[in-house]
PDB file of N, CA and C in Angstrom:
ATOM      1  N   UNK A   1      15.998   7.728   0.141  1.00  0.00           N
ATOM      2  CA  UNK A   1      16.079   7.057  -1.101  1.00  0.00           C
ATOM      3  C   UNK A   1      15.807   5.665  -1.000  1.00  0.00           C
ATOM      4  N   UNK A   2      15.179   5.009  -1.892  1.00  0.00           N
ATOM      5  CA  UNK A   2      14.754   3.573  -1.806  1.00  0.00           C
ATOM      6  C   UNK A   2      16.106   2.776  -1.984  1.00  0.00           C
ATOM      7  N   UNK A   3      16.220   1.835  -1.205  1.00  0.00           N
ATOM      8  CA  UNK A   3      17.267   0.730  -1.419  1.00  0.00           C
ATOM      9  C   UNK A   3      16.614  -0.229  -2.446  1.00  0.00           C
ATOM     10  N   UNK A   4      17.343  -0.321  -3.580  1.00  0.00           N
ATOM     11  CA  UNK A   4      16.647  -1.212  -4.604  1.00  0.00           C
ATOM     12  C   UNK A   4      16.464  -2.684  -4.171  1.00  0.00           C
ATOM     13  N   UNK A   5      17.258  -3.104  -3.225  1.00  0.00           N
ATOM     14  CA  UNK A   5      17.104  -4.529  -2.735  1.00  0.00           C
ATOM     15  C   UNK A   5      15.864  -4.706  -1.910  1.00  0.00           C
ATOM     16  N   UNK A   6      15.306  -3.552  -1.317  1.00  0.00           N
ATOM     17  CA  UNK A   6      14.133  -3.477  -0.416  1.00  0.00           C
ATOM     18  C   UNK A   6      12.798  -3.607  -1.226  1.00  0.00           C
ATOM     19  N   UNK A   7      12.848  -3.529  -2.637  1.00  0.00           N
ATOM     20  CA  UNK A   7      11.683  -3.530  -3.385  1.00  0.00           C
ATOM     21  C   UNK A   7      11.667  -4.764  -4.385  1.00  0.00           C
ATOM     22  N   UNK A   8      10.708  -5.588  -4.280  1.00  0.00           N
ATOM     23  CA  UNK A   8      10.496  -6.654  -5.282  1.00  0.00           C
ATOM     24  C   UNK A   8       9.197  -6.392  -6.081  1.00  0.00           C
ATOM     25  N   UNK A   9       9.332  -6.435  -7.343  1.00  0.00           N
ATOM     26  CA  UNK A   9       8.117  -6.271  -8.133  1.00  0.00           C
ATOM     27  C   UNK A   9       7.972  -7.389  -9.217  1.00  0.00           C
ATOM     28  N   UNK A  10       6.803  -7.977  -9.243  1.00  0.00           N
ATOM     29  CA  UNK A  10       6.639  -9.045 -10.224  1.00  0.00           C
ATOM     30  C   UNK A  10       6.314  -8.446 -11.608  1.00  0.00           C
ATOM     31  N   UNK A  11       6.129  -9.306 -12.586  1.00  0.00           N
ATOM     32  CA  UNK A  11       5.905  -8.884 -13.988  1.00  0.00           C
ATOM     33  C   UNK A  11       4.588  -8.084 -14.001  1.00  0.00           C
ATOM     34  N   UNK A  12       4.668  -7.110 -14.842  1.00  0.00           N
ATOM     35  CA  UNK A  12       3.322  -6.289 -15.185  1.00  0.00           C
ATOM     36  C   UNK A  12       3.049  -5.273 -14.264  1.00  0.00           C
ATOM     37  N   UNK A  13       3.976  -4.856 -13.381  1.00  0.00           N
ATOM     38  CA  UNK A  13       3.531  -3.683 -12.421  1.00  0.00           C
ATOM     39  C   UNK A  13       3.751  -2.393 -13.102  1.00  0.00           C
ATOM     40  N   UNK A  14       2.966  -1.446 -12.781  1.00  0.00           N
ATOM     41  CA  UNK A  14       2.935  -0.102 -13.300  1.00  0.00           C
ATOM     42  C   UNK A  14       3.013   0.973 -12.181  1.00  0.00           C
ATOM     43  N   UNK A  15       3.956   1.864 -12.148  1.00  0.00           N
ATOM     44  CA  UNK A  15       3.996   2.811 -11.152  1.00  0.00           C
ATOM     45  C   UNK A  15       3.800   4.128 -11.896  1.00  0.00           C
ATOM     46  N   UNK A  16       2.770   4.789 -11.511  1.00  0.00           N
ATOM     47  CA  UNK A  16       2.525   6.092 -12.230  1.00  0.00           C
ATOM     48  C   UNK A  16       3.380   7.318 -11.772  1.00  0.00           C
ATOM     49  N   UNK A  17       3.052   8.428 -12.138  1.00  0.00           N
ATOM     50  CA  UNK A  17       3.932   9.577 -11.710  1.00  0.00           C
ATOM     51  C   UNK A  17       3.982   9.824 -10.195  1.00  0.00           C
ATOM     52  N   UNK A  18       5.042  10.323  -9.681  1.00  0.00           N
ATOM     53  CA  UNK A  18       5.239  10.633  -8.295  1.00  0.00           C
ATOM     54  C   UNK A  18       4.718   9.711  -7.417  1.00  0.00           C
ATOM     55  N   UNK A  19       4.887   8.340  -7.687  1.00  0.00           N
ATOM     56  CA  UNK A  19       4.552   7.245  -6.685  1.00  0.00           C
ATOM     57  C   UNK A  19       5.772   7.378  -5.592  1.00  0.00           C
ATOM     58  N   UNK A  20       5.422   7.224  -4.372  1.00  0.00           N
ATOM     59  CA  UNK A  20       6.500   7.082  -3.257  1.00  0.00           C
ATOM     60  C   UNK A  20       6.473   5.733  -2.687  1.00  0.00           C
ATOM     61  N   UNK A  21       7.567   5.041  -2.619  1.00  0.00           N
ATOM     62  CA  UNK A  21       7.789   3.731  -1.995  1.00  0.00           C
ATOM     63  C   UNK A  21       8.846   4.013  -0.980  1.00  0.00           C
ATOM     64  N   UNK A  22       8.412   3.858   0.336  1.00  0.00           N
ATOM     65  CA  UNK A  22       9.332   4.062   1.501  1.00  0.00           C
ATOM     66  C   UNK A  22      10.540   3.073   1.317  1.00  0.00           C
ATOM     67  N   UNK A  23      11.560   3.444   2.109  1.00  0.00           N
ATOM     68  CA  UNK A  23      12.796   2.611   2.207  1.00  0.00           C
ATOM     69  C   UNK A  23      12.588   1.469   3.159  1.00  0.00           C
ATOM     70  N   UNK A  24      12.174   0.242   2.804  1.00  0.00           N
ATOM     71  CA  UNK A  24      11.956  -0.839   3.590  1.00  0.00           C
ATOM     72  C   UNK A  24      11.327  -2.094   2.746  1.00  0.00           C
ATOM     73  N   UNK A  25      11.088  -3.174   3.217  1.00  0.00           N
ATOM     74  CA  UNK A  25      10.772  -4.308   2.532  1.00  0.00           C
ATOM     75  C   UNK A  25       9.377  -4.045   1.906  1.00  0.00           C
ATOM     76  N   UNK A  26       9.287  -3.953   0.588  1.00  0.00           N
ATOM     77  CA  UNK A  26       7.955  -3.871  -0.094  1.00  0.00           C
ATOM     78  C   UNK A  26       7.966  -4.995  -1.242  1.00  0.00           C
ATOM     79  N   UNK A  27       6.904  -5.627  -1.249  1.00  0.00           N
ATOM     80  CA  UNK A  27       6.719  -6.662  -2.340  1.00  0.00           C
ATOM     81  C   UNK A  27       5.440  -6.411  -3.101  1.00  0.00           C
ATOM     82  N   UNK A  28       5.629  -6.209  -4.400  1.00  0.00           N
ATOM     83  CA  UNK A  28       4.381  -5.929  -5.317  1.00  0.00           C
ATOM     84  C   UNK A  28       4.266  -7.244  -6.066  1.00  0.00           C
ATOM     85  N   UNK A  29       3.080  -7.709  -6.127  1.00  0.00           N
ATOM     86  CA  UNK A  29       2.766  -8.996  -6.781  1.00  0.00           C
ATOM     87  C   UNK A  29       2.658  -8.576  -8.371  1.00  0.00           C
ATOM     88  N   UNK A  30       2.259  -9.629  -9.189  1.00  0.00           N
ATOM     89  CA  UNK A  30       2.077  -9.388 -10.599  1.00  0.00           C
ATOM     90  C   UNK A  30       0.917  -8.351 -10.958  1.00  0.00           C
ATOM     91  N   UNK A  31       1.073  -7.462 -11.950  1.00  0.00           N
ATOM     92  CA  UNK A  31       0.112  -6.656 -12.437  1.00  0.00           C
ATOM     93  C   UNK A  31      -0.490  -5.716 -11.317  1.00  0.00           C
ATOM     94  N   UNK A  32       0.357  -5.279 -10.540  1.00  0.00           N
ATOM     95  CA  UNK A  32      -0.044  -4.214  -9.600  1.00  0.00           C
ATOM     96  C   UNK A  32       0.065  -2.890 -10.182  1.00  0.00           C
ATOM     97  N   UNK A  33      -0.947  -2.076 -10.039  1.00  0.00           N
ATOM     98  CA  UNK A  33      -1.006  -0.691 -10.643  1.00  0.00           C
ATOM     99  C   UNK A  33      -1.058   0.198  -9.489  1.00  0.00           C
ATOM    100  N   UNK A  34      -0.112   1.319  -9.586  1.00  0.00           N
ATOM    101  CA  UNK A  34      -0.128   2.361  -8.493  1.00  0.00           C
ATOM    102  C   UNK A  34      -0.443   3.617  -9.235  1.00  0.00           C
ATOM    103  N   UNK A  35      -1.479   4.343  -8.792  1.00  0.00           N
ATOM    104  CA  UNK A  35      -1.908   5.579  -9.332  1.00  0.00           C
ATOM    105  C   UNK A  35      -1.011   6.658  -8.996  1.00  0.00           C
ATOM    106  N   UNK A  36      -1.165   7.721  -9.641  1.00  0.00           N
ATOM    107  CA  UNK A  36      -0.190   9.065  -9.355  1.00  0.00           C
ATOM    108  C   UNK A  36      -0.386   9.343  -7.880  1.00  0.00           C
ATOM    109  N   UNK A  37       0.907   9.709  -7.316  1.00  0.00           N
ATOM    110  CA  UNK A  37       0.968  10.217  -5.962  1.00  0.00           C
ATOM    111  C   UNK A  37       0.564   9.192  -4.929  1.00  0.00           C
ATOM    112  N   UNK A  38       0.371   7.903  -5.227  1.00  0.00           N
ATOM    113  CA  UNK A  38      -0.026   7.028  -4.169  1.00  0.00           C
ATOM    114  C   UNK A  38       1.318   6.701  -3.472  1.00  0.00           C
ATOM    115  N   UNK A  39       1.289   6.154  -2.204  1.00  0.00           N
ATOM    116  CA  UNK A  39       2.390   5.885  -1.265  1.00  0.00           C
ATOM    117  C   UNK A  39       2.227   4.506  -0.525  1.00  0.00           C
ATOM    118  N   UNK A  40       3.372   3.942  -0.454  1.00  0.00           N
ATOM    119  CA  UNK A  40       3.521   2.807   0.503  1.00  0.00           C
ATOM    120  C   UNK A  40       4.660   3.204   1.542  1.00  0.00           C
ATOM    121  N   UNK A  41       4.144   3.323   2.811  1.00  0.00           N
ATOM    122  CA  UNK A  41       4.951   3.736   3.866  1.00  0.00           C
ATOM    123  C   UNK A  41       5.456   2.447   4.677  1.00  0.00           C
ATOM    124  N   UNK A  42       6.747   2.335   4.950  1.00  0.00           N
ATOM    125  CA  UNK A  42       7.184   1.253   5.666  1.00  0.00           C
ATOM    126  C   UNK A  42       7.796   1.695   7.135  1.00  0.00           C
ATOM    127  N   UNK A  43       8.214   2.946   7.199  1.00  0.00           N
ATOM    128  CA  UNK A  43       8.786   3.444   8.510  1.00  0.00           C
ATOM    129  C   UNK A  43       7.670   3.551   9.522  1.00  0.00           C
ATOM    130  N   UNK A  44       7.918   2.940  10.707  1.00  0.00           N
ATOM    131  CA  UNK A  44       7.071   3.163  11.894  1.00  0.00           C
ATOM    132  C   UNK A  44       7.801   3.433  13.140  1.00  0.00           C
ATOM    133  N   UNK A  45       7.228   4.185  13.965  1.00  0.00           N
ATOM    134  CA  UNK A  45       7.907   4.795  15.141  1.00  0.00           C
ATOM    135  C   UNK A  45       6.878   4.487  16.432  1.00  0.00           C
ATOM    136  N   UNK A  46       7.530   4.125  17.498  1.00  0.00           N
ATOM    137  CA  UNK A  46       6.908   4.105  18.755  1.00  0.00           C
ATOM    138  C   UNK A  46       6.547   5.656  19.197  1.00  0.00           C
ATOM    139  N   UNK A  47       5.791   5.745  20.226  1.00  0.00           N
ATOM    140  CA  UNK A  47       5.568   7.148  20.709  1.00  0.00           C
ATOM    141  C   UNK A  47       6.592   7.292  21.798  1.00  0.00           C
ATOM    142  N   UNK A  48       7.441   8.370  21.711  1.00  0.00           N
ATOM    143  CA  UNK A  48       8.424   8.754  22.573  1.00  0.00           C
ATOM    144  C   UNK A  48       7.992   9.835  23.621  1.00  0.00           C
ATOM    145  N   UNK A  49       8.805  10.200  24.439  1.00  0.00           N
ATOM    146  CA  UNK A  49       8.569  11.183  25.413  1.00  0.00           C
ATOM    147  C   UNK A  49       8.350  12.588  24.997  1.00  0.00           C
ATOM    148  N   UNK A  50       7.932  13.494  25.882  1.00  0.00           N
ATOM    149  CA  UNK A  50       7.652  14.720  25.371  1.00  0.00           C
ATOM    150  C   UNK A  50       8.820  15.511  24.713  1.00  0.00           C
ATOM    151  N   UNK A  51       9.953  15.141  24.872  1.00  0.00           N
ATOM    152  CA  UNK A  51      11.140  15.819  24.430  1.00  0.00           C
ATOM    153  C   UNK A  51      11.342  15.325  22.919  1.00  0.00           C
ATOM    154  N   UNK A  52      10.802  14.233  22.617  1.00  0.00           N
ATOM    155  CA  UNK A  52      10.874  13.679  21.141  1.00  0.00           C
ATOM    156  C   UNK A  52       9.737  12.610  20.843  1.00  0.00           C
ATOM    157  N   UNK A  53       8.622  13.006  20.378  1.00  0.00           N
ATOM    158  CA  UNK A  53       7.501  12.141  20.316  1.00  0.00           C
ATOM    159  C   UNK A  53       7.802  11.054  19.269  1.00  0.00           C
ATOM    160  N   UNK A  54       8.505  11.207  18.301  1.00  0.00           N
ATOM    161  CA  UNK A  54       8.911  10.108  17.372  1.00  0.00           C
ATOM    162  C   UNK A  54       9.893   9.257  18.002  1.00  0.00           C
ATOM    163  N   UNK A  55       9.506   8.235  18.620  1.00  0.00           N
ATOM    164  CA  UNK A  55      10.461   7.292  19.294  1.00  0.00           C
ATOM    165  C   UNK A  55      11.133   6.249  18.374  1.00  0.00           C
ATOM    166  N   UNK A  56      11.731   5.315  19.103  1.00  0.00           N
ATOM    167  CA  UNK A  56      12.518   4.352  18.342  1.00  0.00           C
ATOM    168  C   UNK A  56      11.488   3.619  17.189  1.00  0.00           C
ATOM    169  N   UNK A  57      12.189   3.428  16.126  1.00  0.00           N
ATOM    170  CA  UNK A  57      11.347   2.828  14.925  1.00  0.00           C
ATOM    171  C   UNK A  57      12.145   2.115  14.032  1.00  0.00           C
ATOM    172  N   UNK A  58      11.665   1.721  12.970  1.00  0.00           N
ATOM    173  CA  UNK A  58      12.385   0.866  11.841  1.00  0.00           C
ATOM    174  C   UNK A  58      11.128   0.387  10.839  1.00  0.00           C
ATOM    175  N   UNK A  59      11.701  -0.054   9.804  1.00  0.00           N
ATOM    176  CA  UNK A  59      10.731  -0.436   8.734  1.00  0.00           C
ATOM    177  C   UNK A  59       9.956  -1.682   9.032  1.00  0.00           C
ATOM    178  N   UNK A  60       8.652  -1.751   8.597  1.00  0.00           N
ATOM    179  CA  UNK A  60       7.866  -2.926   8.659  1.00  0.00           C
ATOM    180  C   UNK A  60       7.435  -3.200   7.254  1.00  0.00           C
ATOM    181  N   UNK A  61       7.550  -4.530   6.906  1.00  0.00           N
ATOM    182  CA  UNK A  61       7.163  -4.843   5.477  1.00  0.00           C
ATOM    183  C   UNK A  61       5.773  -4.701   5.104  1.00  0.00           C
ATOM    184  N   UNK A  62       5.583  -4.313   3.702  1.00  0.00           N
ATOM    185  CA  UNK A  62       4.278  -4.201   3.104  1.00  0.00           C
ATOM    186  C   UNK A  62       4.219  -5.147   1.954  1.00  0.00           C
ATOM    187  N   UNK A  63       3.233  -5.856   1.776  1.00  0.00           N
ATOM    188  CA  UNK A  63       2.946  -6.868   0.704  1.00  0.00           C
ATOM    189  C   UNK A  63       1.670  -6.548  -0.025  1.00  0.00           C
ATOM    190  N   UNK A  64       1.786  -6.388  -1.259  1.00  0.00           N
ATOM    191  CA  UNK A  64       0.578  -6.026  -2.190  1.00  0.00           C
ATOM    192  C   UNK A  64       0.412  -7.158  -3.140  1.00  0.00           C
ATOM    193  N   UNK A  65      -0.784  -7.872  -3.121  1.00  0.00           N
ATOM    194  CA  UNK A  65      -1.022  -9.121  -3.883  1.00  0.00           C
ATOM    195  C   UNK A  65      -1.328  -8.806  -5.315  1.00  0.00           C
ATOM    196  N   UNK A  66      -1.236  -9.836  -6.141  1.00  0.00           N
ATOM    197  CA  UNK A  66      -1.431  -9.901  -7.478  1.00  0.00           C
ATOM    198  C   UNK A  66      -2.629  -9.107  -7.993  1.00  0.00           C
ATOM    199  N   UNK A  67      -2.564  -8.268  -9.017  1.00  0.00           N
ATOM    200  CA  UNK A  67      -3.713  -7.650  -9.679  1.00  0.00           C
ATOM    201  C   UNK A  67      -4.335  -6.430  -8.934  1.00  0.00           C
ATOM    202  N   UNK A  68      -3.703  -5.980  -7.796  1.00  0.00           N
ATOM    203  CA  UNK A  68      -4.200  -4.986  -7.107  1.00  0.00           C
ATOM    204  C   UNK A  68      -4.023  -3.633  -7.791  1.00  0.00           C
ATOM    205  N   UNK A  69      -5.068  -2.785  -7.699  1.00  0.00           N
ATOM    206  CA  UNK A  69      -5.096  -1.418  -8.182  1.00  0.00           C
ATOM    207  C   UNK A  69      -5.164  -0.392  -7.015  1.00  0.00           C
ATOM    208  N   UNK A  70      -4.111   0.298  -6.884  1.00  0.00           N
ATOM    209  CA  UNK A  70      -3.953   1.323  -5.881  1.00  0.00           C
ATOM    210  C   UNK A  70      -4.186   2.769  -6.594  1.00  0.00           C
ATOM    211  N   UNK A  71      -5.321   3.356  -6.123  1.00  0.00           N
ATOM    212  CA  UNK A  71      -5.746   4.559  -6.809  1.00  0.00           C
ATOM    213  C   UNK A  71      -4.905   5.848  -6.440  1.00  0.00           C
ATOM    214  N   UNK A  72      -5.202   6.951  -7.096  1.00  0.00           N
ATOM    215  CA  UNK A  72      -4.353   8.059  -6.970  1.00  0.00           C
ATOM    216  C   UNK A  72      -4.376   8.699  -5.566  1.00  0.00           C
ATOM    217  N   UNK A  73      -3.278   8.920  -4.962  1.00  0.00           N
ATOM    218  CA  UNK A  73      -3.148   9.596  -3.706  1.00  0.00           C
ATOM    219  C   UNK A  73      -3.536   8.590  -2.548  1.00  0.00           C
ATOM    220  N   UNK A  74      -3.653   7.376  -2.753  1.00  0.00           N
ATOM    221  CA  UNK A  74      -3.932   6.315  -1.676  1.00  0.00           C
ATOM    222  C   UNK A  74      -2.617   6.184  -0.965  1.00  0.00           C
ATOM    223  N   UNK A  75      -2.683   5.753   0.427  1.00  0.00           N
ATOM    224  CA  UNK A  75      -1.556   5.591   1.258  1.00  0.00           C
ATOM    225  C   UNK A  75      -1.757   4.277   1.868  1.00  0.00           C
ATOM    226  N   UNK A  76      -0.749   3.495   1.723  1.00  0.00           N
ATOM    227  CA  UNK A  76      -0.694   2.207   2.500  1.00  0.00           C
ATOM    228  C   UNK A  76       0.339   2.295   3.678  1.00  0.00           C
ATOM    229  N   UNK A  77      -0.137   2.089   4.947  1.00  0.00           N
ATOM    230  CA  UNK A  77       0.736   2.290   6.086  1.00  0.00           C
ATOM    231  C   UNK A  77       1.599   0.997   6.404  1.00  0.00           C
ATOM    232  N   UNK A  78       2.662   1.169   7.295  1.00  0.00           N
ATOM    233  CA  UNK A  78       3.466   0.085   7.516  1.00  0.00           C
ATOM    234  C   UNK A  78       2.943  -1.259   7.949  1.00  0.00           C
ATOM    235  N   UNK A  79       3.673  -2.353   7.564  1.00  0.00           N
ATOM    236  CA  UNK A  79       3.299  -3.607   8.118  1.00  0.00           C
ATOM    237  C   UNK A  79       2.014  -4.369   7.733  1.00  0.00           C
ATOM    238  N   UNK A  80       1.385  -3.835   6.502  1.00  0.00           N
ATOM    239  CA  UNK A  80       0.230  -4.370   6.056  1.00  0.00           C
ATOM    240  C   UNK A  80       0.289  -5.332   4.964  1.00  0.00           C
ATOM    241  N   UNK A  81      -0.696  -6.144   4.671  1.00  0.00           N
ATOM    242  CA  UNK A  81      -0.860  -7.008   3.666  1.00  0.00           C
ATOM    243  C   UNK A  81      -2.086  -6.588   2.863  1.00  0.00           C
ATOM    244  N   UNK A  82      -2.022  -6.318   1.654  1.00  0.00           N
ATOM    245  CA  UNK A  82      -3.158  -5.990   0.730  1.00  0.00           C
ATOM    246  C   UNK A  82      -3.311  -7.227  -0.159  1.00  0.00           C
ATOM    247  N   UNK A  83      -4.510  -7.835   0.149  1.00  0.00           N
ATOM    248  CA  UNK A  83      -4.800  -9.119  -0.720  1.00  0.00           C
ATOM    249  C   UNK A  83      -4.888  -8.940  -2.212  1.00  0.00           C
ATOM    250  N   UNK A  84      -4.782 -10.189  -2.931  1.00  0.00           N
ATOM    251  CA  UNK A  84      -4.767 -10.046  -4.390  1.00  0.00           C
ATOM    252  C   UNK A  84      -6.170  -9.605  -4.901  1.00  0.00           C
ATOM    253  N   UNK A  85      -6.146  -8.784  -6.085  1.00  0.00           N
ATOM    254  CA  UNK A  85      -7.347  -8.459  -6.607  1.00  0.00           C
ATOM    255  C   UNK A  85      -8.097  -7.326  -5.959  1.00  0.00           C
ATOM    256  N   UNK A  86      -7.494  -6.498  -5.096  1.00  0.00           N
ATOM    257  CA  UNK A  86      -8.092  -5.465  -4.405  1.00  0.00           C
ATOM    258  C   UNK A  86      -8.117  -4.171  -5.299  1.00  0.00           C
ATOM    259  N   UNK A  87      -9.020  -3.319  -4.940  1.00  0.00           N
ATOM    260  CA  UNK A  87      -8.885  -1.868  -5.372  1.00  0.00           C
ATOM    261  C   UNK A  87      -8.913  -1.043  -4.200  1.00  0.00           C
ATOM    262  N   UNK A  88      -7.772  -0.220  -4.127  1.00  0.00           N
ATOM    263  CA  UNK A  88      -7.728   0.768  -3.027  1.00  0.00           C
ATOM    264  C   UNK A  88      -8.120   2.124  -3.597  1.00  0.00           C
ATOM    265  N   UNK A  89      -9.203   2.686  -3.228  1.00  0.00           N
ATOM    266  CA  UNK A  89      -9.814   3.831  -3.943  1.00  0.00           C
ATOM    267  C   UNK A  89      -8.813   5.064  -3.722  1.00  0.00           C
ATOM    268  N   UNK A  90      -9.092   6.079  -4.591  1.00  0.00           N
ATOM    269  CA  UNK A  90      -8.199   7.222  -4.612  1.00  0.00           C
ATOM    270  C   UNK A  90      -8.316   7.886  -3.242  1.00  0.00           C
ATOM    271  N   UNK A  91      -7.219   8.289  -2.638  1.00  0.00           N
ATOM    272  CA  UNK A  91      -7.227   9.069  -1.332  1.00  0.00           C
ATOM    273  C   UNK A  91      -7.431   8.212  -0.098  1.00  0.00           C
ATOM    274  N   UNK A  92      -7.623   6.876  -0.288  1.00  0.00           N
ATOM    275  CA  UNK A  92      -7.947   6.055   0.819  1.00  0.00           C
ATOM    276  C   UNK A  92      -6.596   5.973   1.608  1.00  0.00           C
ATOM    277  N   UNK A  93      -6.762   5.726   2.975  1.00  0.00           N
ATOM    278  CA  UNK A  93      -5.578   5.518   3.873  1.00  0.00           C
ATOM    279  C   UNK A  93      -5.847   4.097   4.594  1.00  0.00           C
ATOM    280  N   UNK A  94      -5.024   3.163   4.140  1.00  0.00           N
ATOM    281  CA  UNK A  94      -5.173   1.693   4.495  1.00  0.00           C
ATOM    282  C   UNK A  94      -4.398   1.602   5.889  1.00  0.00           C
ATOM    283  N   UNK A  95      -5.149   1.195   6.923  1.00  0.00           N
ATOM    284  CA  UNK A  95      -4.543   1.166   8.245  1.00  0.00           C
ATOM    285  C   UNK A  95      -4.523  -0.203   8.677  1.00  0.00           C
ATOM    286  N   UNK A  96      -5.230  -1.199   8.006  1.00  0.00           N
ATOM    287  CA  UNK A  96      -5.354  -2.554   8.401  1.00  0.00           C
ATOM    288  C   UNK A  96      -5.276  -3.498   7.248  1.00  0.00           C
ATOM    289  N   UNK A  97      -4.943  -4.684   7.364  1.00  0.00           N
ATOM    290  CA  UNK A  97      -4.881  -5.593   6.265  1.00  0.00           C
ATOM    291  C   UNK A  97      -6.123  -5.570   5.521  1.00  0.00           C
ATOM    292  N   UNK A  98      -6.048  -5.809   4.242  1.00  0.00           N
ATOM    293  CA  UNK A  98      -7.137  -5.824   3.219  1.00  0.00           C
ATOM    294  C   UNK A  98      -7.337  -7.391   2.714  1.00  0.00           C
ATOM    295  N   UNK A  99      -8.560  -7.942   2.808  1.00  0.00           N
ATOM    296  CA  UNK A  99      -8.764  -9.219   2.270  1.00  0.00           C
ATOM    297  C   UNK A  99      -8.879  -9.143   0.836  1.00  0.00           C
ATOM    298  N   UNK A 100      -8.574 -10.272   0.074  1.00  0.00           N
ATOM    299  CA  UNK A 100      -8.576 -10.235  -1.302  1.00  0.00           C
ATOM    300  C   UNK A 100      -9.828  -9.845  -1.954  1.00  0.00           C
ATOM    301  N   UNK A 101      -9.756  -9.357  -3.188  1.00  0.00           N
ATOM    302  CA  UNK A 101     -11.046  -9.075  -3.996  1.00  0.00           C
ATOM    303  C   UNK A 101     -12.039  -8.073  -3.381  1.00  0.00           C
ATOM    304  N   UNK A 102     -11.623  -6.998  -2.649  1.00  0.00           N
ATOM    305  CA  UNK A 102     -12.421  -6.031  -2.089  1.00  0.00           C
ATOM    306  C   UNK A 102     -12.156  -4.641  -2.541  1.00  0.00           C
ATOM    307  N   UNK A 103     -13.143  -3.845  -2.621  1.00  0.00           N
ATOM    308  CA  UNK A 103     -12.924  -2.406  -2.903  1.00  0.00           C
ATOM    309  C   UNK A 103     -12.789  -1.661  -1.519  1.00  0.00           C
ATOM    310  N   UNK A 104     -11.747  -0.970  -1.253  1.00  0.00           N
ATOM    311  CA  UNK A 104     -11.487  -0.287  -0.001  1.00  0.00           C
ATOM    312  C   UNK A 104     -11.423   1.136  -0.148  1.00  0.00           C
ATOM    313  N   UNK A 105     -12.217   1.960   0.638  1.00  0.00           N
ATOM    314  CA  UNK A 105     -12.293   3.377   0.302  1.00  0.00           C
ATOM    315  C   UNK A 105     -12.340   4.073   1.714  1.00  0.00           C
ATOM    316  N   UNK A 106     -12.018   5.409   1.853  1.00  0.00           N
ATOM    317  CA  UNK A 106     -12.158   6.111   3.011  1.00  0.00           C
ATOM    318  C   UNK A 106     -10.853   6.271   3.894  1.00  0.00           C
ATOM    319  N   UNK A 107     -11.068   7.038   4.974  1.00  0.00           N
ATOM    320  CA  UNK A 107     -10.005   7.267   5.840  1.00  0.00           C
ATOM    321  C   UNK A 107     -10.606   7.144   7.208  1.00  0.00           C
ATOM    322  N   UNK A 108     -10.208   6.045   7.873  1.00  0.00           N
ATOM    323  CA  UNK A 108      -9.366   4.953   7.459  1.00  0.00           C
ATOM    324  C   UNK A 108     -10.114   4.090   6.388  1.00  0.00           C
ATOM    325  N   UNK A 109      -9.359   3.462   5.596  1.00  0.00           N
ATOM    326  CA  UNK A 109      -9.964   2.604   4.469  1.00  0.00           C
ATOM    327  C   UNK A 109     -10.805   1.402   5.072  1.00  0.00           C
ATOM    328  N   UNK A 110     -11.948   1.201   4.542  1.00  0.00           N
ATOM    329  CA  UNK A 110     -12.828  -0.028   4.954  1.00  0.00           C
ATOM    330  C   UNK A 110     -13.304  -0.686   3.626  1.00  0.00           C
ATOM    331  N   UNK A 111     -13.598  -1.903   3.740  1.00  0.00           N
ATOM    332  CA  UNK A 111     -14.249  -2.575   2.605  1.00  0.00           C
ATOM    333  C   UNK A 111     -15.469  -2.115   2.418  1.00  0.00           C
ATOM    334  N   UNK A 112     -15.784  -1.613   1.217  1.00  0.00           N
ATOM    335  CA  UNK A 112     -17.022  -1.046   0.764  1.00  0.00           C
ATOM    336  C   UNK A 112     -17.806  -2.135   0.021  1.00  0.00           C
ATOM    337  N   UNK A 113     -17.091  -3.097  -0.711  1.00  0.00           N
ATOM    338  CA  UNK A 113     -17.894  -4.156  -1.357  1.00  0.00           C
ATOM    339  C   UNK A 113     -16.845  -5.123  -1.897  1.00  0.00           C
ATOM    340  N   UNK A 114     -17.386  -6.357  -2.318  1.00  0.00           N
ATOM    341  CA  UNK A 114     -16.572  -7.291  -3.006  1.00  0.00           C
ATOM    342  C   UNK A 114     -16.540  -6.920  -4.463  1.00  0.00           C
ATOM    343  N   UNK A 115     -15.417  -7.259  -5.062  1.00  0.00           N
ATOM    344  CA  UNK A 115     -15.164  -7.060  -6.540  1.00  0.00           C
ATOM    345  C   UNK A 115     -14.772  -8.463  -7.188  1.00  0.00           C
ATOM    346  N   UNK A 116     -15.011  -9.505  -6.526  1.00  0.00           N
ATOM    347  CA  UNK A 116     -14.519 -10.780  -7.040  1.00  0.00           C
ATOM    348  C   UNK A 116     -15.127 -11.121  -8.372  1.00  0.00           C
ATOM    349  N   UNK A 117     -14.330 -11.347  -9.307  1.00  0.00           N
ATOM    350  CA  UNK A 117     -14.907 -11.816 -10.671  1.00  0.00           C
ATOM    351  C   UNK A 117     -15.280 -10.640 -11.548  1.00  0.00           C
ATOM    352  N   UNK A 118     -15.251  -9.367 -11.129  1.00  0.00           N
ATOM    353  CA  UNK A 118     -15.876  -8.323 -11.805  1.00  0.00           C
ATOM    354  C   UNK A 118     -14.761  -7.946 -12.978  1.00  0.00           C
ATOM    355  N   UNK A 119     -15.196  -7.381 -14.036  1.00  0.00           N
ATOM    356  CA  UNK A 119     -14.449  -6.757 -15.040  1.00  0.00           C
ATOM    357  C   UNK A 119     -15.037  -5.619 -15.566  1.00  0.00           C
ATOM    358  N   UNK A 120     -14.242  -4.592 -15.983  1.00  0.00           N
ATOM    359  CA  UNK A 120     -14.918  -3.414 -16.570  1.00  0.00           C
ATOM    360  C   UNK A 120     -15.582  -3.729 -17.828  1.00  0.00           C
ATOM    361  N   UNK A 121     -16.624  -2.994 -18.230  1.00  0.00           N
ATOM    362  CA  UNK A 121     -17.301  -3.190 -19.491  1.00  0.00           C
ATOM    363  C   UNK A 121     -17.013  -1.971 -20.431  1.00  0.00           C
TER     364      UNK A 121
END
């Protein structure tokens, strides 16, 4: 269960159905939209011995910048920063920080193109 003090959301955020936000420090900027079944994971574990591979762990913070849109089923992994104005494509798995104003897609997610200044028509 999410500790309410571990999540900060700025004005205008929208969380669609079945969004999962792990129990750990998560900061969502202004106007962040999260599509259905998208996830932000904060729990991280080291690799343990053969008797228990999920070794010692703990939460690592995730920060999502203003105006970012996280598509349906996308996953953002622990300890990452997603820059302002990004689009994370549906089904993408974000394994590294995302620079601002980029469209990130794939598994693992990579920057596909710039979206600086674009608006839908």
